[in-house]
Protein backbone atom coordinates (compact mmCIF):
# COMPACT_ATOMS: atom_id res chain seq x y z
CA MET A 1 -49.81 -16.18 6.74
CA GLN A 2 -48.11 -19.52 6.16
CA GLN A 3 -46.32 -18.11 3.09
CA LYS A 4 -44.81 -15.26 5.13
CA LYS A 5 -43.39 -17.77 7.64
CA ILE A 6 -41.84 -19.84 4.85
CA ILE A 7 -40.34 -16.76 3.16
CA THR A 8 -38.99 -15.47 6.49
CA PHE A 9 -37.48 -18.87 7.27
CA LEU A 10 -35.83 -19.07 3.84
CA ILE A 11 -34.39 -15.55 4.19
CA ILE A 12 -32.95 -16.38 7.63
CA LEU A 13 -31.55 -19.66 6.26
CA PHE A 14 -29.96 -17.84 3.30
CA ILE A 15 -28.36 -15.17 5.50
CA THR A 16 -27.04 -17.77 7.96
CA SER A 17 -25.60 -20.03 5.27
CA SER A 18 -24.03 -17.06 3.45
CA ALA A 19 -22.36 -15.88 6.65
CA TRP A 20 -21.01 -19.38 7.31
CA LEU A 21 -19.63 -19.70 3.76
CA PHE A 22 -17.89 -16.30 3.96
CA TYR A 23 -16.35 -17.27 7.30
CA ALA A 24 -15.16 -20.67 6.03
CA SER A 25 -13.78 -19.12 2.83
CA ASN A 26 -11.78 -16.47 4.72
CA ARG A 27 -10.28 -19.14 7.00
CA SER A 28 -9.18 -21.27 4.08
CA ILE A 29 -7.65 -18.32 2.21
CA ASN A 30 -5.64 -17.04 5.21
CA PRO A 31 -2.13 -18.58 4.93
CA ASN A 32 -1.56 -18.52 8.71
CA VAL A 33 -4.70 -20.29 9.95
CA GLY A 34 -4.18 -23.99 10.51
CA LYS A 35 -1.25 -24.19 8.11
CA ASN A 36 2.45 -24.82 8.66
CA TRP A 37 4.74 -23.81 5.77
CA TRP A 38 7.50 -21.44 4.75
CA VAL A 39 8.97 -20.34 1.43
CA LEU A 40 12.47 -19.51 0.23
CA ASN A 41 13.06 -17.52 -2.97
CA PHE A 42 15.49 -15.14 -4.61
CA THR A 43 14.53 -11.47 -4.45
CA GLU A 44 15.72 -10.92 -8.03
CA PRO A 45 15.93 -14.33 -9.72
CA SER A 46 17.02 -13.12 -13.16
CA THR A 47 20.08 -11.15 -11.97
CA LYS A 48 23.36 -12.15 -10.32
CA ASN A 49 22.12 -10.66 -7.05
CA LEU A 50 22.11 -13.27 -4.25
CA ASP A 51 19.56 -11.53 -1.99
CA PHE A 52 16.87 -13.97 -0.90
CA THR A 53 13.61 -13.82 1.01
CA ILE A 54 12.23 -16.17 3.65
CA GLU A 55 8.46 -15.97 4.10
CA ASN A 56 7.25 -17.70 7.25
CA HIS A 57 3.80 -19.19 7.80
CA SER A 58 4.94 -21.90 10.20
CA ASP A 59 5.32 -22.38 13.91
CA GLN A 60 9.11 -22.16 13.54
CA SER A 61 10.67 -18.75 14.09
CA THR A 62 14.42 -19.45 13.93
CA PHE A 63 15.97 -19.99 10.51
CA HIS A 64 19.61 -20.89 9.79
CA TRP A 65 20.95 -20.06 6.33
CA GLU A 66 24.16 -21.01 4.55
CA VAL A 67 25.63 -19.81 1.25
CA LEU A 68 27.67 -22.57 -0.39
CA GLN A 69 30.07 -22.21 -3.28
CA ASN A 70 31.33 -25.48 -4.77
CA ASN A 71 29.82 -27.31 -1.76
CA GLN A 72 31.92 -25.24 0.67
CA ILE A 73 30.21 -22.93 3.17
CA SER A 74 31.26 -19.36 2.41
CA GLN A 75 28.71 -17.51 4.57
CA GLN A 76 26.13 -18.44 7.17
CA GLY A 77 23.81 -16.83 9.65
CA ASP A 78 20.66 -17.09 11.72
CA THR A 79 17.53 -15.01 11.51
CA ILE A 80 14.30 -14.84 13.49
CA ILE A 81 11.06 -14.39 11.53
CA LYS A 82 7.65 -14.29 13.19
CA LYS A 83 4.71 -16.20 11.75
CA GLY A 84 3.10 -14.25 8.92
CA ALA A 85 6.21 -12.15 8.26
CA SER A 86 8.94 -12.26 5.63
CA GLN A 87 12.52 -11.08 5.73
CA ASN A 88 15.10 -10.30 3.08
CA VAL A 89 18.63 -11.60 3.64
CA THR A 90 21.57 -9.98 1.84
CA PRO A 91 24.71 -12.12 1.71
CA GLU A 92 28.08 -10.51 1.04
CA GLU A 93 28.93 -10.12 -2.63
CA ASN A 94 32.46 -11.54 -2.57
CA LEU A 95 31.62 -14.74 -4.46
CA SER A 96 33.18 -15.75 -7.76
CA THR A 97 31.44 -17.47 -10.62
CA GLY A 98 30.05 -20.99 -10.45
CA LYS A 99 27.11 -22.65 -8.78
CA ILE A 100 25.97 -20.86 -5.63
CA THR A 101 23.59 -22.78 -3.37
CA ILE A 102 21.60 -21.28 -0.51
CA ASP A 103 20.41 -23.74 2.15
CA VAL A 104 17.90 -22.68 4.79
CA THR A 105 16.81 -24.89 7.68
CA ALA A 106 14.05 -24.43 10.22
CA GLY A 107 13.85 -27.25 12.72
CA SER A 108 14.00 -30.46 10.69
CA ASP A 109 12.73 -28.82 7.48
CA LYS A 110 15.33 -27.82 4.87
CA LYS A 111 14.98 -25.93 1.58
CA GLU A 112 17.59 -24.91 -0.98
CA ILE A 113 17.82 -22.67 -3.99
CA TYR A 114 20.72 -22.11 -6.35
CA LYS A 115 22.07 -19.84 -9.07
CA ASN A 116 24.76 -20.31 -11.66
CA LEU A 117 26.87 -17.15 -11.80
């Protein structure tokens, strides 16, 4: 009788601890839970295409982007991206060769990427 109580207790303890570990693991894997970050990258990094993607996992929703050529702003715009979403931005293709820099700001956070055309 005592052995059955111990086995039952261990089974309940195992099931409870397993459920807690699965819950904690899913929370830590989810990029939107308790985290505040966003990413900027080119859609096609190996080509001359200047399309870029902003992936948002932060509390910010308004992003301002600028395309600079030789440190001069050639294009700019604003976009709204909800938390957990991403958006592709397609700048106009009227840029000549040289270093093209894309600056994106959200609040006080700023990121930049560049290509040499």
